[in-house]
Protein backbone atom coordinates (compact mmCIF):
# COMPACT_ATOMS: atom_id res chain seq x y z
CA MET A 1 52.88 77.77 45.27
CA PHE A 2 54.87 75.64 47.71
CA THR A 3 58.33 76.72 46.02
CA LEU A 4 57.18 80.52 46.32
CA LEU A 5 56.16 79.88 49.98
CA ILE A 6 59.80 78.53 50.74
CA LEU A 7 61.49 81.29 48.89
CA LEU A 8 59.51 84.02 50.61
CA ALA A 9 60.22 82.46 53.90
CA GLU A 10 63.97 82.81 53.11
CA ARG A 11 63.35 86.49 52.33
CA LEU A 12 61.53 86.86 55.50
CA GLY A 13 64.44 85.50 57.45
CA ILE A 14 66.51 88.30 56.14
CA ILE A 15 64.05 90.95 57.19
CA MET A 16 63.75 89.40 60.70
CA LEU A 17 67.66 89.21 60.96
CA LEU A 18 67.87 92.80 60.24
CA ALA A 19 65.11 93.56 62.72
CA PHE A 20 66.97 91.63 65.35
CA LEU A 21 70.18 93.37 64.68
CA LEU A 22 68.36 96.76 64.58
CA VAL A 23 66.59 96.36 67.79
CA ASN A 24 69.81 95.69 69.76
CA THR A 25 70.99 99.06 69.05
CA ARG A 26 70.25 101.53 71.87
CA PHE A 27 69.63 104.41 69.29
CA PHE A 28 66.72 102.51 67.61
CA ARG A 29 65.15 101.52 70.93
CA GLY A 30 65.28 105.07 72.05
CA LEU A 31 63.14 105.90 68.98
CA LEU A 32 60.24 103.65 69.98
CA GLU A 33 58.92 104.92 73.30
CA THR A 34 58.17 108.56 72.20
CA ARG A 35 56.52 109.99 69.15
CA THR A 36 58.06 113.21 68.22
CA VAL A 37 58.94 114.82 64.85
CA LYS A 38 62.55 113.89 65.25
CA THR A 39 61.70 110.17 66.08
CA GLN A 40 59.27 109.89 63.31
CA ILE A 41 61.85 111.21 60.77
CA TRP A 42 64.41 108.63 61.96
CA LEU A 43 61.82 105.74 61.93
CA THR A 44 60.83 106.86 58.31
CA VAL A 45 64.47 106.70 57.24
CA ILE A 46 65.08 103.29 58.93
CA PHE A 47 61.94 101.57 57.55
CA SER A 48 62.44 103.08 54.25
CA LEU A 49 65.77 101.31 53.89
CA PHE A 50 63.98 98.15 55.01
CA VAL A 51 61.21 98.48 52.45
CA VAL A 52 63.82 99.00 49.62
CA ILE A 53 65.70 95.86 50.85
CA ALA A 54 62.30 93.98 50.69
CA ASN A 55 61.69 95.09 47.15
CA LEU A 56 65.31 94.07 46.16
CA THR A 57 65.21 90.67 47.76
CA GLY A 58 61.82 89.65 46.33
CA VAL A 59 60.97 86.76 44.21
CA GLU A 60 60.44 87.47 40.57
CA ILE A 61 57.50 85.92 38.84
CA THR A 62 57.34 86.04 34.92
CA ASN A 63 54.35 86.68 32.78
CA SER A 64 54.06 82.78 32.35
CA LYS A 65 53.89 82.34 36.10
CA GLU A 66 57.33 80.99 36.39
CA VAL A 67 59.43 81.73 39.63
CA VAL A 68 62.86 83.30 39.15
CA THR A 69 65.06 83.73 42.14
CA PRO A 70 67.97 86.18 41.47
CA LEU A 71 70.10 87.05 44.53
CA ILE A 72 68.96 90.69 44.14
CA ILE A 73 66.45 92.19 41.71
CA THR A 74 68.08 95.16 40.00
CA GLY A 75 65.55 95.51 37.19
CA LEU A 76 62.12 94.06 36.33
CA PRO A 77 60.57 93.68 32.92
CA GLN A 78 57.15 95.38 32.77
CA SER A 79 55.48 92.16 32.13
CA ASP A 80 56.84 90.48 35.37
CA SER A 81 55.76 90.77 39.06
CA ILE A 82 57.44 90.16 42.33
CA ALA A 83 56.38 88.61 45.56
CA ASN A 84 58.08 90.28 48.44
CA THR A 85 57.84 91.37 52.13
CA ARG A 86 57.26 95.11 51.46
CA ILE A 87 53.72 95.02 53.01
CA LEU A 88 55.31 93.49 56.12
CA VAL A 89 57.57 96.55 56.44
CA ILE A 90 54.94 99.10 55.74
CA THR A 91 52.67 97.40 58.33
CA SER A 92 55.49 97.34 60.91
CA ALA A 93 56.37 100.96 60.22
CA SER A 94 52.67 101.92 60.72
CA LEU A 95 52.46 100.18 63.91
CA THR A 96 55.65 101.58 65.34
CA GLY A 97 55.63 105.30 64.11
CA GLY A 98 51.98 105.83 63.36
CA PRO A 99 50.00 106.76 60.24
CA VAL A 100 52.43 109.56 59.06
CA VAL A 101 55.45 107.16 59.19
CA GLY A 102 53.48 104.41 57.60
CA MET A 103 52.44 106.58 54.66
CA LEU A 104 55.89 107.95 54.14
CA VAL A 105 57.34 104.47 54.11
CA GLY A 106 54.54 103.21 51.81
CA LEU A 107 55.40 106.08 49.48
CA VAL A 108 59.03 105.17 49.31
CA GLY A 109 58.36 101.50 48.93
CA GLY A 110 55.79 102.13 46.12
CA LEU A 111 58.07 104.57 44.24
CA HIS A 112 60.92 102.13 44.48
CA ARG A 113 58.75 99.32 43.22
CA VAL A 114 57.58 101.40 40.23
CA VAL A 115 61.04 102.64 39.30
CA PHE A 116 62.89 99.41 39.19
CA GLY A 117 59.79 97.71 37.68
CA GLY A 118 60.17 99.82 34.54
CA PHE A 119 57.83 102.56 35.68
CA SER A 120 54.86 100.25 35.41
CA ASP A 121 52.06 99.42 37.80
CA TYR A 122 51.70 102.83 39.42
CA PHE A 123 48.94 101.59 41.60
CA TYR A 124 51.56 100.22 43.99
CA ILE A 125 52.31 103.75 45.19
CA ILE A 126 48.60 104.46 45.86
CA SER A 127 48.06 100.91 47.57
CA SER A 128 51.16 101.19 49.64
CA ILE A 129 50.28 104.79 50.88
CA LEU A 130 46.83 103.65 51.67
CA ILE A 131 48.01 100.67 53.66
CA GLY A 132 50.45 102.92 55.66
CA PHE A 133 47.62 105.20 56.47
CA VAL A 134 44.92 102.67 57.27
CA ILE A 135 47.12 100.51 59.53
CA GLY A 136 48.56 103.43 61.30
CA VAL A 137 45.15 104.88 62.18
CA TRP A 138 43.61 101.41 63.11
CA GLY A 139 46.64 100.47 65.04
CA ASP A 140 46.73 103.73 67.10
CA LYS A 141 43.09 103.20 68.05
CA VAL A 142 43.24 99.39 69.07
CA LYS A 143 46.60 99.74 71.09
CA GLY A 144 45.04 102.13 73.69
CA ALA A 145 47.59 103.16 76.31
CA LYS A 146 49.93 100.36 75.17
CA LEU A 147 52.93 100.95 73.06
CA TYR A 148 51.81 98.26 70.49
CA PRO A 149 48.57 96.48 69.74
CA SER A 150 48.29 92.90 71.04
CA THR A 151 49.40 89.97 69.05
CA PRO A 152 46.00 88.99 67.67
CA TRP A 153 45.42 92.52 66.68
CA VAL A 154 48.73 92.63 64.96
CA ALA A 155 47.82 89.60 62.93
CA LEU A 156 44.49 91.11 62.00
CA LEU A 157 45.97 94.32 60.91
CA SER A 158 48.67 92.44 58.88
CA PHE A 159 46.03 90.31 57.19
CA SER A 160 43.99 93.35 56.24
CA ALA A 161 46.90 95.22 54.88
CA GLU A 162 47.60 92.25 52.48
CA LEU A 163 43.91 91.94 51.54
CA ILE A 164 44.14 95.65 50.52
CA GLN A 165 47.25 94.96 48.34
CA MET A 166 45.65 91.86 46.93
CA SER A 167 42.61 93.85 45.92
CA PHE A 168 44.76 96.32 43.92
CA ILE A 169 46.62 93.45 42.27
CA PHE A 170 43.40 91.62 41.35
CA ALA A 171 42.09 94.87 39.76
CA PHE A 172 45.11 95.49 37.67
CA HIS A 173 46.51 91.77 37.04
CA GLY A 174 43.33 89.52 37.36
CA ILE A 175 42.87 86.42 39.27
CA GLY A 176 45.84 84.42 37.86
CA LEU A 177 48.55 86.07 39.72
CA ILE A 178 46.34 86.15 42.94
CA LYS A 179 46.09 82.32 42.75
CA LEU A 180 49.95 81.97 42.88
CA ILE A 181 50.80 84.63 45.49
CA PHE A 182 47.88 84.95 47.84
CA VAL A 183 48.53 82.30 50.30
CA PRO A 184 52.40 82.61 50.50
CA MET A 185 52.27 86.51 50.80
CA VAL A 186 49.40 86.69 53.32
CA LEU A 187 50.61 83.87 55.42
CA LEU A 188 54.28 84.88 55.55
CA ASN A 189 53.70 88.72 55.85
CA THR A 190 51.10 88.22 58.56
CA ILE A 191 53.61 85.92 60.54
CA GLY A 192 56.40 88.14 59.89
CA ALA A 193 54.65 91.30 61.09
CA CYS A 194 53.67 89.51 64.28
CA LEU A 195 57.29 88.41 64.74
CA PHE A 196 58.74 91.70 64.13
CA ILE A 197 56.46 93.45 66.65
CA GLU A 198 57.00 90.59 69.15
CA ILE A 199 60.80 91.23 68.92
CA LEU A 200 60.32 94.88 69.65
CA LYS A 201 57.93 94.09 72.62
CA THR A 202 60.23 91.63 74.04
CA TYR A 203 63.39 93.68 73.96
CA LEU A 204 61.58 96.80 75.36
CA SER A 205 60.04 94.68 78.13
CA ASN A 206 63.46 93.15 78.97
CA GLU A 207 64.98 96.55 78.98
CA ARG A 208 62.31 97.90 81.31
CA GLN A 209 62.89 94.94 83.70
CA LEU A 210 66.63 95.57 83.53
CA ARG A 211 65.92 99.33 84.40
CA ALA A 212 63.94 98.21 87.31
CA VAL A 213 66.59 96.03 88.62
CA GLN A 214 69.26 98.66 87.98
CA THR A 215 66.92 101.17 89.84
CA LYS A 216 66.68 98.92 92.86
CA ASP A 217 70.48 98.44 92.90
CA VAL A 218 70.99 102.18 92.53
CA LEU A 219 68.52 102.82 95.24
CA GLU A 220 70.17 100.34 97.67
CA LEU A 221 73.72 101.90 96.82
CA ALA A 222 72.30 105.35 97.38
CA ASN A 223 70.92 104.36 100.87
CA LYS A 224 74.10 102.74 101.88
CA THR A 225 76.44 105.49 100.57
CA LEU A 226 74.46 108.58 101.71
CA PRO A 227 75.86 108.54 105.34
CA TYR A 228 79.57 108.69 103.94
CA PHE A 229 78.93 111.35 101.23
CA ARG A 230 77.11 113.57 103.82
CA LYS A 231 80.50 113.72 105.54
CA GLY A 232 81.99 115.16 102.41
CA LEU A 233 84.41 113.75 99.80
CA ASN A 234 87.44 112.52 101.97
CA PHE A 235 89.64 109.31 102.27
CA ASP A 236 87.37 107.66 104.90
CA SER A 237 84.09 108.26 102.96
CA ALA A 238 85.58 107.41 99.48
CA GLN A 239 87.05 104.11 100.89
CA HIS A 240 83.56 103.02 102.20
CA VAL A 241 81.66 104.15 99.01
CA CYS A 242 84.14 102.14 96.86
CA GLN A 243 83.68 99.09 98.90
CA ILE A 244 79.98 99.27 98.87
CA ILE A 245 79.93 99.83 94.97
CA LYS A 246 82.40 96.90 94.37
CA GLN A 247 80.09 94.73 96.51
CA TYR A 248 76.96 95.60 94.47
CA THR A 249 78.28 95.56 90.90
CA ASN A 250 80.46 93.38 88.63
CA PHE A 251 83.22 95.98 87.96
CA ASP A 252 86.72 94.77 88.45
CA ALA A 253 87.80 97.95 90.02
CA VAL A 254 86.12 101.26 91.46
CA GLY A 255 87.88 104.54 92.27
CA LEU A 256 87.20 107.92 93.62
CA THR A 257 89.23 110.92 93.37
CA ASP A 258 88.86 114.63 94.25
CA THR A 259 90.32 117.09 91.69
CA ASP A 260 94.02 116.03 92.47
CA THR A 261 94.41 113.06 94.53
CA VAL A 262 93.19 109.34 94.47
CA LEU A 263 90.95 109.03 97.50
CA ALA A 264 90.20 105.32 97.06
CA HIS A 265 90.68 102.54 94.75
CA ILE A 266 89.22 99.02 95.36
CA GLY A 267 89.91 96.04 93.13
CA ALA A 268 92.25 95.32 90.35
CA GLY A 269 95.24 97.67 90.00
CA ALA A 270 95.07 98.67 93.70
CA ASP A 271 98.88 98.04 93.84
CA HIS A 272 99.58 101.26 91.86
CA HIS A 273 96.24 103.21 91.98
CA ILE A 274 97.00 104.19 95.56
CA ALA A 275 94.95 106.36 97.89
CA GLY A 276 96.71 109.50 98.91
CA GLU A 277 98.75 109.70 95.43
CA PRO A 278 98.15 111.95 92.75
CA VAL A 279 95.63 111.05 89.94
CA LEU A 280 97.49 108.70 87.74
CA THR A 281 95.65 108.16 84.48
CA ASP A 282 95.20 110.50 81.48
CA LEU A 283 91.62 109.54 81.43
CA SER A 284 90.88 110.72 84.86
CA LYS A 285 92.68 113.99 84.36
CA SER A 286 90.77 114.75 81.32
CA VAL A 287 87.40 114.00 82.95
CA ILE A 288 88.33 116.37 85.71
CA ALA A 289 89.60 119.01 83.59
CA LYS A 290 86.62 119.06 81.23
CA GLY A 291 83.90 117.93 83.47
CA GLU A 292 82.59 115.36 80.94
CA GLU A 293 82.03 111.60 80.96
CA LYS A 294 84.50 109.53 79.00
CA LEU A 295 84.67 105.82 78.09
CA ALA A 296 87.88 103.97 77.30
CA TYR A 297 88.12 100.49 75.54
CA SER A 298 91.70 99.98 75.68
CA ARG A 299 94.77 100.36 78.11
CA THR A 300 96.01 103.16 75.82
CA GLU A 301 92.79 105.16 76.09
CA ILE A 302 93.06 104.77 79.96
CA GLY A 303 96.45 106.21 79.89
CA CYS A 304 97.87 104.52 83.04
CA PRO A 305 101.64 104.90 83.00
CA VAL A 306 102.20 101.49 84.67
CA ALA A 307 103.07 98.92 81.85
CA ASP A 308 101.40 95.92 83.43
CA CYS A 309 98.27 97.55 84.65
CA PRO A 310 95.43 94.95 84.26
CA LEU A 311 92.70 97.48 83.41
CA ASN A 312 91.60 97.47 79.85
CA ALA A 313 88.33 99.35 79.77
CA ALA A 314 86.83 102.17 81.81
CA ILE A 315 84.01 104.58 82.36
CA VAL A 316 84.94 107.80 84.19
CA LEU A 317 82.47 110.38 85.14
CA PRO A 318 82.79 113.79 86.81
CA LEU A 319 81.19 114.47 90.34
CA ARG A 320 79.74 117.91 90.21
CA VAL A 321 78.36 120.03 92.89
CA ASN A 322 76.95 123.51 92.08
CA ASP A 323 78.18 123.25 88.38
CA GLU A 324 81.82 122.67 89.60
CA THR A 325 83.69 119.39 89.18
CA VAL A 326 84.90 118.18 92.76
CA GLY A 327 86.15 114.76 91.74
CA ALA A 328 85.73 111.79 89.43
CA LEU A 329 83.98 108.44 89.87
CA LYS A 330 85.80 105.56 88.06
CA PHE A 331 84.63 102.07 87.08
CA TYR A 332 87.13 99.64 85.44
CA PHE A 333 87.02 96.22 83.59
CA LYS A 334 89.92 93.88 82.98
CA ASP A 335 87.98 92.46 79.92
CA ARG A 336 86.68 95.18 77.65
CA SER A 337 83.81 93.06 76.32
CA LYS A 338 82.07 93.28 79.85
CA MET A 339 81.54 97.02 79.29
CA THR A 340 78.00 97.36 77.83
CA VAL A 341 75.14 99.80 77.75
CA VAL A 342 73.90 98.37 80.91
CA GLU A 343 76.98 99.36 82.92
CA GLU A 344 77.05 102.73 81.23
CA ASN A 345 73.50 103.48 82.24
CA LEU A 346 74.11 102.27 85.75
CA VAL A 347 77.22 104.59 86.41
CA ASN A 348 75.49 107.57 84.95
CA GLY A 349 72.77 107.16 87.55
CA LEU A 350 75.29 106.63 90.35
CA ALA A 351 77.15 109.75 89.19
CA LEU A 352 74.16 111.83 89.35
CA ILE A 353 73.02 110.43 92.82
CA PHE A 354 76.54 110.80 94.32
CA SER A 355 76.72 114.35 93.20
CA GLY A 356 73.49 115.18 94.85
CA GLN A 357 74.54 113.38 97.85
CA LEU A 358 77.74 115.51 98.12
CA ALA A 359 75.61 118.65 97.54
CA ILE A 360 73.35 117.55 100.35
CA GLY A 361 76.27 116.94 102.70
CA ILE A 362 77.77 120.45 101.94
CA ALA A 363 74.40 122.09 102.46
CA GLU A 364 73.94 120.23 105.79
CA GLU A 365 77.43 121.23 106.98
CA GLN A 366 76.81 124.89 106.06
CA THR A 367 73.44 124.79 107.83
CA SER A 368 75.04 123.28 110.90
CA LEU A 369 77.78 125.84 111.06
CA LEU A 370 75.09 128.68 110.70
CA ASN A 371 73.01 127.20 113.41
CA GLU A 372 75.90 126.87 115.68
CA ALA A 373 76.88 130.42 114.90
CA GLU A 374 73.43 131.70 115.83
CA ILE A 375 73.25 129.65 119.02
CA LYS A 376 76.55 131.25 120.06
CA ALA A 377 75.30 134.63 119.19
CA LEU A 378 72.05 134.06 121.18
CA GLN A 379 73.88 132.74 124.20
CA VAL A 380 76.14 135.93 124.31
CA GLN A 381 73.01 137.95 124.51
CA ILE A 382 71.53 136.25 127.78
CA ASN A 383 73.62 137.57 130.70
CA PRO A 384 75.09 141.22 130.28
CA HIS A 385 72.27 143.12 132.01
CA PHE A 386 72.84 141.10 135.22
CA PHE A 387 76.33 142.32 135.54
CA PHE A 388 75.37 145.99 136.18
CA ASN A 389 72.98 145.09 139.17
CA ALA A 390 75.63 142.76 140.70
CA ILE A 391 78.37 145.65 140.49
CA ASN A 392 76.04 148.00 142.25
CA THR A 393 75.27 145.42 144.90
CA ILE A 394 78.81 144.83 145.60
CA GLY A 395 79.55 148.50 145.81
CA ALA A 396 76.76 149.16 148.34
CA LEU A 397 77.89 146.13 150.37
CA MET A 398 81.47 147.61 150.66
CA ARG A 399 80.27 150.34 152.74
CA VAL A 400 78.36 148.29 155.25
CA ASN A 401 79.68 144.63 155.21
CA VAL A 402 83.15 143.92 153.63
CA ASP A 403 82.91 140.23 154.17
CA GLN A 404 79.49 140.02 152.46
CA ALA A 405 80.89 142.14 149.56
CA HIS A 406 83.81 139.77 149.32
CA GLU A 407 81.56 136.78 149.18
CA ALA A 408 79.30 138.48 146.56
CA LEU A 409 82.40 139.23 144.47
CA MET A 410 83.34 135.44 144.72
CA GLN A 411 79.93 134.53 143.56
CA LEU A 412 80.01 136.94 140.76
CA SER A 413 83.44 135.57 139.66
CA ALA A 414 81.88 131.99 139.77
CA PHE A 415 78.89 133.08 137.91
CA PHE A 416 80.87 134.70 134.95
CA ARG A 417 83.52 131.90 134.94
CA SER A 418 80.66 129.35 134.42
CA SER A 419 79.09 131.82 131.91
CA LEU A 420 82.31 131.66 129.81
CA GLN A 421 82.73 128.01 130.18
CA ASN A 422 79.16 127.15 129.37
CA GLY A 423 78.97 129.65 126.67
CA GLN A 424 81.52 127.58 124.69
CA GLU A 425 79.10 124.65 124.62
CA LYS A 426 75.59 124.20 123.21
CA GLU A 427 74.74 121.73 125.90
CA VAL A 428 75.97 121.35 129.59
CA THR A 429 75.20 118.92 132.33
CA LEU A 430 72.39 119.50 134.80
CA GLU A 431 75.16 119.74 137.59
CA GLN A 432 77.02 122.55 135.74
CA GLU A 433 73.73 124.41 135.22
CA LYS A 434 72.53 124.14 138.72
CA LYS A 435 76.00 125.60 139.96
CA HIS A 436 75.52 128.54 137.42
CA VAL A 437 71.98 129.12 138.85
CA ASP A 438 73.03 128.83 142.44
CA ALA A 439 75.80 131.51 141.87
CA TYR A 440 73.20 133.73 140.34
CA MET A 441 70.73 133.33 143.17
CA SER A 442 73.41 133.95 145.75
CA ILE A 443 74.02 137.33 144.53
CA GLU A 444 70.24 138.06 144.20
CA LYS A 445 69.67 136.88 147.79
CA MET A 446 72.47 139.45 148.84
CA ARG A 447 70.54 142.08 147.15
CA PHE A 448 67.24 141.29 148.64
CA PRO A 449 67.73 139.30 151.94
CA ASN A 450 64.71 136.93 152.75
CA LYS A 451 62.96 137.65 149.49
CA PHE A 452 63.57 134.73 147.27
CA ASN A 453 63.43 130.98 148.00
CA LEU A 454 64.74 128.43 145.12
CA SER A 455 63.99 124.84 145.40
CA TYR A 456 64.76 121.81 143.34
CA ASP A 457 62.91 118.49 142.67
CA VAL A 458 65.12 116.47 140.39
CA ALA A 459 64.42 112.94 139.35
CA VAL A 460 67.03 112.57 136.61
CA PRO A 461 70.86 112.04 137.06
CA GLU A 462 72.85 115.28 137.07
CA ASN A 463 74.97 114.12 134.09
CA VAL A 464 72.03 114.60 131.71
CA LEU A 465 72.61 117.32 129.09
CA LEU A 466 70.48 120.38 128.56
CA PRO A 467 70.99 123.78 126.78
CA SER A 468 73.48 126.08 128.44
CA PHE A 469 71.81 128.83 130.53
CA CYS A 470 68.47 127.03 130.22
CA LEU A 471 67.58 127.01 133.88
CA GLN A 472 69.24 130.38 134.47
CA VAL A 473 67.10 132.03 131.95
CA PHE A 474 63.92 130.71 133.54
CA VAL A 475 65.03 131.62 137.09
CA GLU A 476 66.21 135.21 136.18
CA ASN A 477 63.03 135.88 134.30
CA ALA A 478 61.05 134.95 137.59
CA VAL A 479 63.37 136.99 139.55
CA ARG A 480 62.92 140.10 137.47
CA HIS A 481 59.35 139.91 136.39
CA ALA A 482 57.24 137.46 138.40
CA PHE A 483 56.80 139.04 141.76
CA GLY A 484 56.24 142.74 141.22
CA ASN A 485 56.40 144.61 144.51
CA LYS A 486 56.31 141.60 146.89
CA LYS A 487 58.98 141.86 149.39
CA LYS A 488 59.01 138.18 150.79
CA ASP A 489 57.96 134.63 150.18
CA ASP A 490 58.74 134.66 146.58
CA ARG A 491 59.12 131.12 145.67
CA ILE A 492 60.78 129.50 142.57
CA ALA A 493 60.54 125.81 142.12
CA ILE A 494 62.57 123.81 139.49
CA GLN A 495 61.14 120.34 138.79
CA ILE A 496 62.84 117.95 136.46
CA ARG A 497 61.33 114.62 135.74
CA PRO A 498 61.57 111.79 133.01
CA VAL A 499 58.61 111.80 130.48
CA ASP A 500 59.69 108.45 128.95
CA GLU A 501 62.77 106.66 128.47
CA ASP A 502 63.89 108.99 125.74
CA SER A 503 63.06 112.43 127.11
CA PHE A 504 62.58 114.50 130.25
CA GLU A 505 60.59 117.62 131.17
CA ILE A 506 61.98 120.77 132.87
CA ALA A 507 59.28 122.80 134.60
CA VAL A 508 60.03 126.11 136.47
CA SER A 509 57.24 127.56 138.45
CA ASP A 510 56.90 130.67 140.53
CA ASN A 511 54.13 131.92 142.88
CA GLY A 512 54.13 135.41 141.27
CA ASN A 513 51.53 137.72 139.77
CA GLY A 514 51.13 135.87 136.54
CA ILE A 515 51.58 137.16 133.05
CA ASP A 516 49.28 139.55 131.06
CA SER A 517 47.49 137.96 128.30
CA GLN A 518 48.82 140.24 125.55
CA VAL A 519 52.44 139.85 126.75
CA LEU A 520 51.88 136.09 127.08
CA GLU A 521 51.24 135.81 123.20
CA MET A 522 54.53 137.36 122.58
CA ILE A 523 56.71 135.56 125.01
CA GLY A 524 59.22 133.18 123.21
CA GLN A 525 57.74 134.13 119.87
CA GLU A 526 59.39 137.60 119.36
CA PRO A 527 61.71 139.86 121.46
CA ILE A 528 59.72 142.15 123.86
CA VAL A 529 60.66 145.62 124.25
CA GLU A 530 60.74 146.55 128.06
CA THR A 531 62.18 149.38 130.14
CA LYS A 532 64.61 147.11 132.00
CA GLY A 533 66.85 144.84 130.10
CA SER A 534 66.87 143.79 126.54
CA GLY A 535 63.65 141.56 126.59
CA THR A 536 65.17 138.87 124.50
CA ALA A 537 66.25 136.06 126.88
CA LEU A 538 63.11 133.97 126.63
CA TYR A 539 62.81 134.54 122.86
CA ASN A 540 66.39 133.50 122.49
CA LEU A 541 66.03 130.36 124.61
CA ASN A 542 62.96 129.37 122.70
CA GLN A 543 64.95 129.68 119.47
CA ARG A 544 67.82 127.63 120.75
CA LEU A 545 65.57 124.79 122.11
CA GLN A 546 63.82 124.51 118.65
CA GLY A 547 67.07 124.82 116.72
CA LEU A 548 68.62 122.07 118.84
CA TYR A 549 65.72 119.65 119.33
CA GLY A 550 62.97 120.64 117.08
CA ALA A 551 59.41 121.96 117.52
CA LYS A 552 58.74 119.36 120.29
CA SER A 553 60.91 121.37 122.67
CA LYS A 554 59.07 124.69 122.03
CA LEU A 555 58.40 126.63 125.27
CA GLN A 556 55.07 125.86 126.95
CA ILE A 557 53.61 128.57 129.37
CA SER A 558 50.69 128.33 131.70
CA THR A 559 49.96 131.38 133.91
CA SER A 560 47.43 132.62 136.40
CA GLU A 561 47.14 135.15 139.18
CA ASN A 562 48.77 132.60 141.50
CA GLY A 563 51.88 132.29 139.32
CA THR A 564 53.35 130.91 136.12
CA THR A 565 55.05 127.80 134.96
CA PHE A 566 57.43 127.31 131.99
CA LYS A 567 57.87 123.85 130.52
CA THR A 568 60.06 122.42 127.79
CA VAL A 569 60.69 118.68 126.88
CA ILE A 570 64.29 117.73 126.03
CA PRO A 571 65.66 114.53 124.65
CA LEU A 572 67.35 112.40 127.32
CA THR A 573 71.03 112.30 126.60
CA TYR A 574 74.20 112.16 128.72
CA GLN A 575 77.57 113.67 129.00
CA GLU A 576 80.09 111.79 126.54
CA GLY A 577 81.57 108.92 128.55
CA ASP A 578 78.77 108.61 131.07
CA CYS A 579 75.74 106.34 131.26
CA LYS A 580 72.47 106.25 132.74
């Protein structure tokens, strides 16, 4: 019995070695975490090879209970038996792939045992299938939400599998063979199944931990590179991105290209992989042309024309935006043995993230251009109706007071000059906006002497920025709509005060007749059809405020029979080069 125990331990070592080699393959590990028809087919094929090996490497036991140890059993007399690790393999297959895989592997193992055993002992087919089914069903129940049962359960299931097998052997061969093989086979196959499942658990756990670490690294990289990729794929962004990647990874060199040109190359080979030069390597050209990832394990595969290039392995991936290749992301090693599955998984994740970041940058740029175009279009709509009234006023003054007409013409010139200048900018200084409003009011006061009174209460510096035409829209709206038939004492007050250290409030009030409740609901929300003018100025201004600063700057309107106040809150910023 002791001799048999040692010999079976040697056979167990062979199975464990094969299991260790198998679990080191990414393909096999990929079969373990999902149970589909495809994965079950592959697991059946793999474990069937194992179960055949277990039969071939068994220990032969003659009819006289002598132990024979051929290197490989190629044939077995009908009177002899074998002690092997077949049940270990069937148990492991059942726990890994479920009852279907367990039964199929049991069928293969049992058939093979019968065939090379001289077509005797057909009970091995039945016992092997039964073990595969029972252990598969029982294992699925006890493992719960986990991938595998706990070690005590694996030991119990393996022990139970051997008891089933021993029951069949006892029924067909009697107690004599059982006495010789029971302890060695039950002990070693139970231990072997536990070791096999622990190897799988350990490797999968390590891989998950590695994925977690990679995910953390990728997220940090993504966070640091996003500001640069949002600016687009150019020399400056590529240089910063490559430096960040080099800092966070173990690659000997990192490069970025567009479709034609090297944008950046950090690390080994930087003396000839130069930013601004055409893409140098055949590998990169192929990736850009085909839009597919490529790996190179030699200098020849990289295809660098420089003879003493130190780069001997590479992973090159396309950067794609809207299904179009816009560049390539390149990772190099000087020592090809450093390039493993870990690095390949990492760079695949980076390529996906960077492609997404580039797409975000392009989308943001297009949105910005669109918003700016809309703002320009809205600005143009603000002033035209004022022009006609001003010309009529100047025409009338020419008949009665040429000097006043001349002054009105100068104010009109100043007004439209500032309109053209301010219209080129999204934001202007408070000083510029006040000059524009003053020019407008000068003309209105000439049209209606002693009618309007404009006052300012300003508690912020005049170099603060606000949307162009902002005050002018409020004032013009009051002049045209607030006072009705009132001929004098029409007051408009502009108050500008800080709200906190980051924002300020503009409030423009009048002492007019107030706004009808039905009209009030529409102001700023939609263009208002009216008989005089376009009725779009306040709506356009409200759209501009929210487009520039967000919903917090939306117009606020309060009204009563004693007048109306328009308010908005704007971030506190200053003209470039100025300070508070």
